[in-house]
Amino acid sequence: MKVYIETYGCTMNQADSDIMRGLLSREYAFADSAEEADVVIVNTCGVIGFTERKILRRIEEIKGMGKKVIAAGCLARIARKRLKIADALVSPDNVHRINEAVKAVLNGERVEIINVSRVDKAEISGVKCRLKENAIAIVSISEGCLGNCSYCATKIARGRLRSFSIEKIVEEVKKVVEMGYKEIQLTSQDTGAYGKDKGYRLPDLLEKISEIEGDFRVRVGMMNPQHAMEILDDLIEAFKSEKIYKFLHLPVQSGDNKVLMDMRRGHTVEDFEEVVSAFRKAFDDVLLSTDVIVGFPTESEESFEKTVELIKRVKPDIVNITRFSPREGTLAAKLKDIPDWIKKERSRKLTKICEEIGLENNLKFVGKKLRVLVTKRGKNETLLARADSYRPVVLEEGTIGEFYRAKVVDAKFNYLVGELCS
């Protein structure tokens, strides 16, 4: 019997697929495609309605091939009723029971393994089976969050914060470094909240990881401004380690404090700007990534313009723009939605501004020499490397997993073009 795993969404989902792959490898062979498999596991994402509809269509397509389909991931809880077509459901906190689900569907049974589980995924990290396609290893540090965002269904799927043990995380990082991985991506719904349920903090974890022997880099995943504020001084101190990318993913979502209150974000625009300012003061180059939702039900034209002004003022390198999508079971879904044409118009306007800012930021690096780590293959036979700030540098030559000095010869809005120094 052959199994195939198809993964959608965030790095947390990718890490969950690594766990499922490791557990399944003890009993089953893996297919190279859904067409060749007997059982297809679709690890789903439920952040926005568009993605959900795309995944539901994909599940119908796979079922049409005559395959058994297990829907894992966030939609197993968020869209339980709409997933009746699937042969089994496995929620994110139950991925350690994936073999049970596969056995059931092969026996012709339909199961829903979605009861709340408090398993510490760091305890089962040793079973992970990573696809050695690049120099990147994803390590989960917690699951769930402390937020109460009015628009977000992820909490329905992943629940309250459950931080994994520092010792087990450090143990996993040591293992992947020994295996030859050079970029370690720490993932969570909110890395800034890490440890708040256990009495320790993100800086403590980063310091322990920085003590691990080896030449590698750590990318710290998304953190919300309010939690970054609470640990700001110690966080910056931990980021001073050469092993930590100077990369800050700090979602602001709106430039209007009234909208942020309606979103129940738990932070202000000023909190966001204070964290950004502190990081930029501490480091010569910080790659700033943020997230913005356009078209939230209470976002007026004036509110949107405040977001535009914030982006122009702060000049982030990356802005992930999402049009508001009402998610069943959330408070925001009860509000009167804004017409799609307004959302599209605002998204287009902000996208154009962000691309102009991205190019302006990147042009400053043309002619400079940067230390870079080649992490994976790019498009058109190129290689993708990362500078110490995690700034992407596209190269024509090099070896995955190796460090080089590269001269920046050109810049696009979303990446630099480099040549290896002799």
Protein backbone atom coordinates (compact mmCIF):
# COMPACT_ATOMS: atom_id res chain seq x y z
CA MET A 1 0.00 0.00 0.00
CA LYS A 2 1.31 3.44 -0.96
CA VAL A 3 0.63 6.78 0.71
CA TYR A 4 1.04 10.30 -0.65
CA ILE A 5 1.02 13.55 1.40
CA GLU A 6 -0.04 16.85 -0.18
CA THR A 7 0.68 19.90 2.01
CA TYR A 8 -0.93 23.34 1.93
CA GLY A 9 -0.35 26.44 4.05
CA CYS A 10 2.21 27.45 6.63
CA THR A 11 5.54 26.07 7.80
CA MET A 12 3.72 24.51 10.79
CA ASN A 13 1.78 22.35 8.33
CA GLN A 14 5.03 21.39 6.62
CA ALA A 15 6.45 20.34 9.99
CA ASP A 16 3.29 18.31 10.71
CA SER A 17 3.69 16.57 7.35
CA ASP A 18 7.27 15.67 8.35
CA ILE A 19 5.89 14.00 11.50
CA MET A 20 3.21 12.10 9.56
CA ARG A 21 5.76 11.02 6.94
CA GLY A 22 8.05 9.69 9.65
CA LEU A 23 5.30 7.73 11.40
CA LEU A 24 3.89 6.31 8.18
CA SER A 25 7.32 5.27 6.88
CA ARG A 26 7.34 2.50 9.50
CA GLU A 27 4.44 0.69 7.83
CA TYR A 28 3.89 2.10 4.34
CA ALA A 29 5.72 3.03 1.16
CA PHE A 30 5.37 6.51 -0.32
CA ALA A 31 4.06 7.32 -3.77
CA ASP A 32 5.52 10.09 -5.92
CA SER A 33 2.08 11.46 -6.76
CA ALA A 34 -1.58 11.22 -5.79
CA GLU A 35 -2.23 9.19 -8.94
CA GLU A 36 0.15 6.43 -7.77
CA ALA A 37 -1.14 6.28 -4.18
CA ASP A 38 -3.76 4.14 -2.48
CA VAL A 39 -4.30 6.71 0.28
CA VAL A 40 -3.78 10.46 -0.15
CA ILE A 41 -3.37 12.66 2.92
CA VAL A 42 -4.24 16.29 2.24
CA ASN A 43 -2.74 18.47 4.97
CA THR A 44 -5.13 21.41 4.76
CA CYS A 45 -5.01 25.15 5.48
CA GLY A 46 -8.01 27.18 6.57
CA VAL A 47 -6.72 30.75 6.79
CA ILE A 48 -8.94 32.18 4.04
CA GLY A 49 -12.03 31.08 2.14
CA PHE A 50 -10.27 30.97 -1.24
CA THR A 51 -7.73 28.41 0.01
CA GLU A 52 -10.48 26.32 1.60
CA ARG A 53 -12.46 26.19 -1.64
CA LYS A 54 -9.32 25.27 -3.60
CA ILE A 55 -8.55 22.40 -1.20
CA LEU A 56 -12.14 21.10 -1.22
CA ARG A 57 -12.03 21.01 -5.03
CA ARG A 58 -8.72 19.16 -4.88
CA ILE A 59 -10.14 16.56 -2.47
CA GLU A 60 -13.10 15.99 -4.82
CA GLU A 61 -10.64 15.57 -7.70
CA ILE A 62 -8.61 12.97 -5.79
CA LYS A 63 -11.77 11.13 -4.74
CA GLY A 64 -12.71 11.11 -8.41
CA MET A 65 -9.53 9.10 -9.06
CA GLY A 66 -10.91 6.40 -6.77
CA LYS A 67 -8.45 7.15 -3.93
CA LYS A 68 -9.00 7.10 -0.19
CA VAL A 69 -8.55 10.64 1.15
CA ILE A 70 -7.62 11.72 4.66
CA ALA A 71 -8.10 15.43 5.38
CA ALA A 72 -5.55 16.47 8.00
CA GLY A 73 -4.68 19.98 9.20
CA CYS A 74 -6.81 22.97 10.11
CA LEU A 75 -9.86 22.29 7.93
CA ALA A 76 -10.48 19.03 9.80
CA ARG A 77 -11.95 21.24 12.55
CA ILE A 78 -12.80 24.47 10.74
CA ALA A 79 -14.76 22.83 7.89
CA ARG A 80 -15.75 19.50 9.42
CA LYS A 81 -19.23 19.46 7.85
CA ARG A 82 -17.92 20.39 4.40
CA LEU A 83 -15.36 17.59 4.55
CA LYS A 84 -17.88 14.74 4.60
CA ILE A 85 -16.46 13.69 1.25
CA ALA A 86 -13.16 12.76 2.94
CA ASP A 87 -12.71 9.22 4.26
CA ALA A 88 -11.12 10.45 7.50
CA LEU A 89 -10.37 13.67 9.39
CA VAL A 90 -7.28 14.23 11.54
CA SER A 91 -6.91 17.52 13.43
CA PRO A 92 -3.48 19.24 13.73
CA ASP A 93 -2.98 18.14 17.35
CA ASN A 94 -3.63 14.50 16.39
CA VAL A 95 -1.10 14.02 13.58
CA HIS A 96 0.63 11.44 15.81
CA ARG A 97 -2.42 9.21 15.18
CA ILE A 98 -2.14 9.27 11.38
CA ASN A 99 -1.36 5.53 11.12
CA GLU A 100 -4.63 4.82 12.92
CA ALA A 101 -6.51 6.86 10.31
CA VAL A 102 -4.78 5.15 7.37
CA LYS A 103 -5.56 1.67 8.74
CA ALA A 104 -9.20 2.64 9.25
CA VAL A 105 -9.76 3.93 5.71
CA LEU A 106 -8.01 0.90 4.20
CA ASN A 107 -10.49 -1.24 6.16
CA GLY A 108 -13.39 0.72 4.71
CA GLU A 109 -14.11 2.68 7.92
CA ARG A 110 -14.65 6.43 8.17
CA VAL A 111 -13.04 8.04 11.23
CA GLU A 112 -12.80 11.55 12.65
CA ILE A 113 -9.80 11.96 14.97
CA ILE A 114 -10.44 15.52 16.06
CA ASN A 115 -10.75 15.31 19.84
CA VAL A 116 -8.53 17.83 21.66
CA SER A 117 -5.04 16.45 22.27
CA ARG A 118 -2.32 18.00 24.43
CA VAL A 119 0.55 16.09 22.84
CA ASP A 120 3.95 17.82 22.90
CA LYS A 121 5.09 17.53 19.29
CA ALA A 122 8.67 18.10 20.36
CA GLU A 123 8.42 14.74 22.13
CA ILE A 124 7.75 13.00 18.79
CA SER A 125 10.09 15.14 16.67
CA GLY A 126 12.50 12.21 16.45
CA VAL A 127 10.13 10.41 14.09
CA LYS A 128 10.18 13.23 11.53
CA CYS A 129 11.01 12.28 7.98
CA ARG A 130 12.13 15.41 6.14
CA LEU A 131 12.35 15.56 2.38
CA LYS A 132 16.02 16.41 1.74
CA GLU A 133 15.27 18.82 -1.09
CA ASN A 134 17.24 21.74 0.31
CA ALA A 135 19.25 23.00 3.29
CA ILE A 136 16.15 23.99 5.28
CA ALA A 137 14.72 22.18 8.33
CA ILE A 138 11.49 23.29 10.00
CA VAL A 139 11.24 22.94 13.77
CA SER A 140 7.94 23.56 15.62
CA ILE A 141 8.32 25.30 18.97
CA SER A 142 4.67 25.55 20.01
CA GLU A 143 1.12 25.11 18.82
CA GLY A 144 -1.91 27.33 19.32
CA CYS A 145 -1.84 30.93 20.46
CA LEU A 146 -2.89 33.37 23.17
CA GLY A 147 -4.70 35.71 20.79
CA ASN A 148 -8.41 36.28 20.30
CA CYS A 149 -8.41 37.81 16.81
CA SER A 150 -12.00 38.29 15.69
CA TYR A 151 -11.30 37.16 12.10
CA CYS A 152 -9.10 34.11 12.67
CA ALA A 153 -10.27 30.51 12.47
CA THR A 154 -6.83 29.02 13.08
CA LYS A 155 -7.42 29.11 16.82
CA ILE A 156 -10.51 26.95 16.30
CA ALA A 157 -8.21 24.42 14.64
CA ARG A 158 -5.12 24.63 16.85
CA GLY A 159 -6.44 25.88 20.19
CA ARG A 160 -4.71 27.63 23.08
CA LEU A 161 -0.94 27.97 23.34
CA ARG A 162 1.00 24.78 24.07
CA SER A 163 4.74 25.44 24.15
CA PHE A 164 7.07 22.52 23.57
CA SER A 165 10.01 21.85 25.89
CA ILE A 166 13.24 23.80 25.38
CA GLU A 167 15.31 20.65 25.88
CA LYS A 168 13.47 18.70 23.16
CA ILE A 169 13.57 21.62 20.70
CA VAL A 170 17.31 22.08 21.25
CA GLU A 171 17.76 18.34 20.84
CA GLU A 172 15.94 18.44 17.50
CA VAL A 173 17.95 21.43 16.27
CA LYS A 174 21.20 19.63 17.19
CA LYS A 175 20.03 16.59 15.25
CA VAL A 176 19.14 18.47 12.05
CA VAL A 177 22.41 20.43 12.17
CA GLU A 178 24.28 17.11 12.43
CA MET A 179 22.26 15.88 9.43
CA GLY A 180 23.61 18.78 7.37
CA TYR A 181 20.73 21.26 7.44
CA LYS A 182 21.99 24.85 7.53
CA GLU A 183 18.82 26.94 7.84
CA ILE A 184 16.58 26.15 10.80
CA GLN A 185 13.11 27.69 10.64
CA LEU A 186 11.47 27.98 14.05
CA THR A 187 7.73 27.87 13.48
CA SER A 188 4.68 28.60 15.61
CA GLN A 189 1.41 30.54 15.41
CA ASP A 190 3.20 33.23 17.44
CA THR A 191 6.87 32.72 18.34
CA GLY A 192 6.76 35.79 20.61
CA ALA A 193 4.31 34.00 22.92
CA TYR A 194 6.56 30.95 23.20
CA GLY A 195 6.87 29.70 26.77
CA LYS A 196 4.27 32.01 28.32
CA ASP A 197 2.27 28.94 29.35
CA LYS A 198 5.32 27.25 30.85
CA GLY A 199 7.21 30.09 32.54
CA TYR A 200 10.02 30.56 30.02
CA ARG A 201 10.57 32.84 27.01
CA LEU A 202 11.69 32.95 23.39
CA PRO A 203 15.05 34.65 24.17
CA ASP A 204 15.89 31.73 26.51
CA LEU A 205 15.30 29.27 23.66
CA LEU A 206 17.30 31.31 21.13
CA GLU A 207 20.26 31.55 23.49
CA LYS A 208 20.28 27.76 23.97
CA ILE A 209 20.07 27.17 20.21
CA SER A 210 22.89 29.66 19.57
CA GLU A 211 25.15 27.59 21.82
CA ILE A 212 24.84 24.57 19.50
CA GLU A 213 28.08 23.89 17.61
CA GLY A 214 28.05 24.30 13.85
CA ASP A 215 27.76 26.93 11.15
CA PHE A 216 24.03 27.38 10.61
CA ARG A 217 21.35 30.07 10.63
CA VAL A 218 18.02 30.31 12.46
CA ARG A 219 14.96 32.03 11.05
CA VAL A 220 12.56 33.03 13.80
CA GLY A 221 8.96 32.84 12.60
CA MET A 222 6.07 35.26 13.00
CA MET A 223 5.56 37.05 16.32
CA ASN A 224 2.81 39.46 17.28
CA PRO A 225 3.83 42.98 18.37
CA GLN A 226 2.38 42.80 21.90
CA HIS A 227 4.44 39.73 22.79
CA ALA A 228 7.57 41.09 21.14
CA MET A 229 7.14 44.26 23.25
CA GLU A 230 7.16 42.28 26.51
CA ILE A 231 10.56 40.69 25.78
CA LEU A 232 12.02 43.36 23.50
CA ASP A 233 15.39 44.06 25.17
CA ASP A 234 16.21 40.40 25.74
CA LEU A 235 14.91 39.48 22.29
CA ILE A 236 17.27 41.94 20.62
CA GLU A 237 20.13 40.65 22.75
CA ALA A 238 19.39 37.09 21.61
CA PHE A 239 19.23 38.24 17.97
CA LYS A 240 22.80 39.54 18.26
CA SER A 241 24.00 35.96 17.82
CA GLU A 242 25.59 35.44 14.41
CA LYS A 243 23.41 32.33 14.06
CA ILE A 244 20.12 34.24 14.16
CA TYR A 245 18.94 35.86 10.92
CA LYS A 246 18.12 39.54 11.44
CA PHE A 247 14.64 38.81 10.15
CA LEU A 248 11.52 40.20 11.81
CA HIS A 249 8.07 38.94 10.80
CA LEU A 250 5.79 41.27 12.73
CA PRO A 251 2.17 41.37 11.49
CA VAL A 252 0.44 44.72 12.00
CA GLN A 253 -2.76 43.90 10.00
CA SER A 254 -4.00 47.54 9.96
CA GLY A 255 -2.67 51.06 10.35
CA ASP A 256 -5.79 52.17 12.22
CA ASN A 257 -6.02 51.52 15.97
CA LYS A 258 -9.82 51.47 15.83
CA VAL A 259 -9.73 48.64 13.27
CA LEU A 260 -7.09 46.84 15.36
CA MET A 261 -9.49 46.99 18.32
CA ASP A 262 -12.30 45.58 16.16
CA MET A 263 -9.92 42.85 15.05
CA ARG A 264 -9.09 42.18 18.72
CA ARG A 265 -5.42 42.17 17.85
CA GLY A 266 -4.20 43.12 21.32
CA HIS A 267 -1.66 45.69 20.11
CA THR A 268 -1.55 49.20 18.68
CA VAL A 269 0.13 50.73 15.65
CA GLU A 270 2.53 52.39 18.09
CA ASP A 271 3.54 49.01 19.56
CA PHE A 272 4.37 47.77 16.06
CA GLU A 273 6.45 50.85 15.25
CA GLU A 274 8.30 50.71 18.57
CA VAL A 275 9.44 47.11 17.98
CA VAL A 276 10.51 47.91 14.41
CA SER A 277 12.41 51.00 15.55
CA ALA A 278 14.23 49.09 18.30
CA PHE A 279 15.36 46.36 15.89
CA ARG A 280 16.52 48.85 13.27
CA LYS A 281 18.45 50.77 15.89
CA ALA A 282 20.18 47.59 17.07
CA PHE A 283 21.10 46.15 13.64
CA ASP A 284 22.45 47.61 10.40
CA ASP A 285 20.11 45.53 8.23
CA VAL A 286 16.81 44.03 9.35
CA LEU A 287 14.53 42.35 6.85
CA LEU A 288 11.07 43.46 8.00
CA SER A 289 8.07 41.41 6.95
CA THR A 290 4.54 42.32 7.98
CA ASP A 291 0.96 41.22 7.23
CA VAL A 292 -1.98 43.44 6.31
CA ILE A 293 -5.66 42.56 5.96
CA VAL A 294 -7.53 44.86 3.57
CA GLY A 295 -11.30 45.12 3.55
CA PHE A 296 -11.99 44.19 7.17
CA PRO A 297 -15.71 44.93 7.73
CA THR A 298 -15.07 48.08 9.81
CA GLU A 299 -12.24 49.38 7.60
CA SER A 300 -13.38 52.71 6.16
CA GLU A 301 -11.59 54.55 3.37
CA GLU A 302 -9.93 56.68 6.05
CA SER A 303 -8.83 53.54 7.92
CA PHE A 304 -7.31 52.11 4.75
CA GLU A 305 -5.44 55.36 4.09
CA LYS A 306 -3.95 55.11 7.59
CA THR A 307 -2.64 51.68 6.65
CA VAL A 308 -1.15 53.11 3.45
CA GLU A 309 0.53 55.89 5.40
CA LEU A 310 1.92 53.43 7.94
CA ILE A 311 3.46 51.30 5.19
CA LYS A 312 4.95 54.38 3.52
CA ARG A 313 6.34 55.51 6.87
CA VAL A 314 7.80 52.20 8.05
CA LYS A 315 8.83 50.89 4.60
CA PRO A 316 8.71 47.14 5.28
CA ASP A 317 10.60 44.87 2.87
CA ILE A 318 7.79 42.33 2.61
CA VAL A 319 4.06 42.94 3.01
CA ASN A 320 1.76 39.91 2.88
CA ILE A 321 -1.55 41.41 1.78
CA THR A 322 -4.73 39.41 2.38
CA ARG A 323 -8.25 40.45 1.44
CA PHE A 324 -10.60 39.88 4.37
CA SER A 325 -12.41 36.57 4.16
CA PRO A 326 -15.18 35.81 6.68
CA ARG A 327 -14.48 32.51 8.45
CA GLU A 328 -17.32 30.51 9.94
CA GLY A 329 -17.33 30.53 13.74
CA THR A 330 -15.49 33.83 14.12
CA LEU A 331 -16.88 37.11 15.47
CA ALA A 332 -15.93 39.05 12.34
CA ALA A 333 -18.04 36.70 10.20
CA LYS A 334 -21.13 38.23 11.84
CA LEU A 335 -20.23 41.73 10.61
CA LYS A 336 -21.48 43.20 7.33
CA ASP A 337 -18.87 42.39 4.70
CA ILE A 338 -17.34 44.96 2.35
CA PRO A 339 -17.95 44.43 -1.41
CA ASP A 340 -15.20 42.40 -3.10
CA TRP A 341 -14.49 45.14 -5.66
CA ILE A 342 -13.47 47.50 -2.85
CA LYS A 343 -11.18 44.85 -1.35
CA LYS A 344 -9.58 44.23 -4.76
CA GLU A 345 -9.10 47.95 -5.37
CA ARG A 346 -7.44 48.46 -1.98
CA SER A 347 -5.29 45.36 -2.44
CA ARG A 348 -4.08 46.53 -5.86
CA LYS A 349 -3.24 50.00 -4.57
CA LEU A 350 -1.32 48.72 -1.56
CA THR A 351 0.48 46.06 -3.62
CA LYS A 352 1.79 48.72 -6.03
CA ILE A 353 3.05 50.85 -3.14
CA CYS A 354 4.72 47.86 -1.46
CA GLU A 355 6.50 46.87 -4.67
CA GLU A 356 7.84 50.41 -5.06
CA ILE A 357 9.08 50.38 -1.45
CA GLY A 358 10.62 46.92 -1.87
CA LEU A 359 12.59 48.06 -4.92
CA GLU A 360 13.69 51.25 -3.15
CA ASN A 361 14.92 49.21 -0.17
CA ASN A 362 16.78 46.66 -2.31
CA LEU A 363 18.48 49.14 -4.64
CA LYS A 364 20.53 50.32 -1.64
CA PHE A 365 22.38 46.98 -1.71
CA VAL A 366 23.56 47.11 -5.32
CA GLY A 367 27.38 47.08 -5.36
CA LYS A 368 27.65 45.74 -1.79
CA LYS A 369 29.22 42.43 -0.80
CA LEU A 370 27.20 40.15 1.48
CA ARG A 371 27.81 36.86 3.21
CA VAL A 372 25.14 34.47 1.97
CA LEU A 373 23.97 30.91 2.60
CA VAL A 374 22.65 28.96 -0.40
CA THR A 375 19.46 27.29 0.84
CA LYS A 376 17.61 25.85 -2.17
CA ARG A 377 17.09 25.80 -5.91
CA GLY A 378 15.41 28.79 -7.50
CA LYS A 379 13.65 29.30 -10.81
CA ASN A 380 15.29 28.84 -14.21
CA GLU A 381 18.23 26.85 -12.84
CA THR A 382 19.23 29.56 -10.37
CA LEU A 383 19.95 29.18 -6.65
CA LEU A 384 18.34 31.03 -3.76
CA ALA A 385 20.68 32.28 -1.06
CA ARG A 386 20.03 34.28 2.09
CA ALA A 387 22.06 37.15 3.51
CA ASP A 388 22.50 37.49 7.28
CA SER A 389 19.27 39.51 7.38
CA TYR A 390 17.47 36.72 5.45
CA ARG A 391 17.35 39.03 2.43
CA PRO A 392 16.98 36.77 -0.67
CA VAL A 393 19.88 36.76 -3.14
CA VAL A 394 19.54 34.92 -6.46
CA LEU A 395 22.77 33.32 -7.73
CA GLU A 396 23.75 31.58 -10.96
CA GLU A 397 26.24 29.26 -9.24
CA GLY A 398 27.04 27.74 -5.87
CA THR A 399 26.28 24.68 -3.79
CA ILE A 400 23.22 24.23 -1.56
CA GLY A 401 24.23 24.38 2.10
CA GLU A 402 27.41 26.41 1.52
CA PHE A 403 28.31 29.95 2.63
CA TYR A 404 29.80 32.46 0.15
CA ARG A 405 30.67 36.10 -0.30
CA ALA A 406 28.49 37.56 -3.04
CA LYS A 407 28.42 40.95 -4.74
CA VAL A 408 24.96 42.39 -5.42
CA VAL A 409 24.76 43.34 -9.10
CA ASP A 410 21.05 44.05 -9.49
CA ALA A 411 17.85 44.40 -7.44
CA LYS A 412 14.18 43.62 -7.92
CA PHE A 413 11.40 44.59 -5.52
CA ASN A 414 11.45 41.17 -3.85
CA TYR A 415 15.03 39.92 -4.23
CA LEU A 416 18.65 40.81 -4.97
CA VAL A 417 20.75 39.42 -7.81
CA GLY A 418 24.28 38.40 -6.83
CA GLU A 419 27.52 37.10 -8.23
CA LEU A 420 30.01 35.03 -6.21
CA CYS A 421 33.15 36.90 -5.26
CA SER A 422 36.40 35.27 -6.41
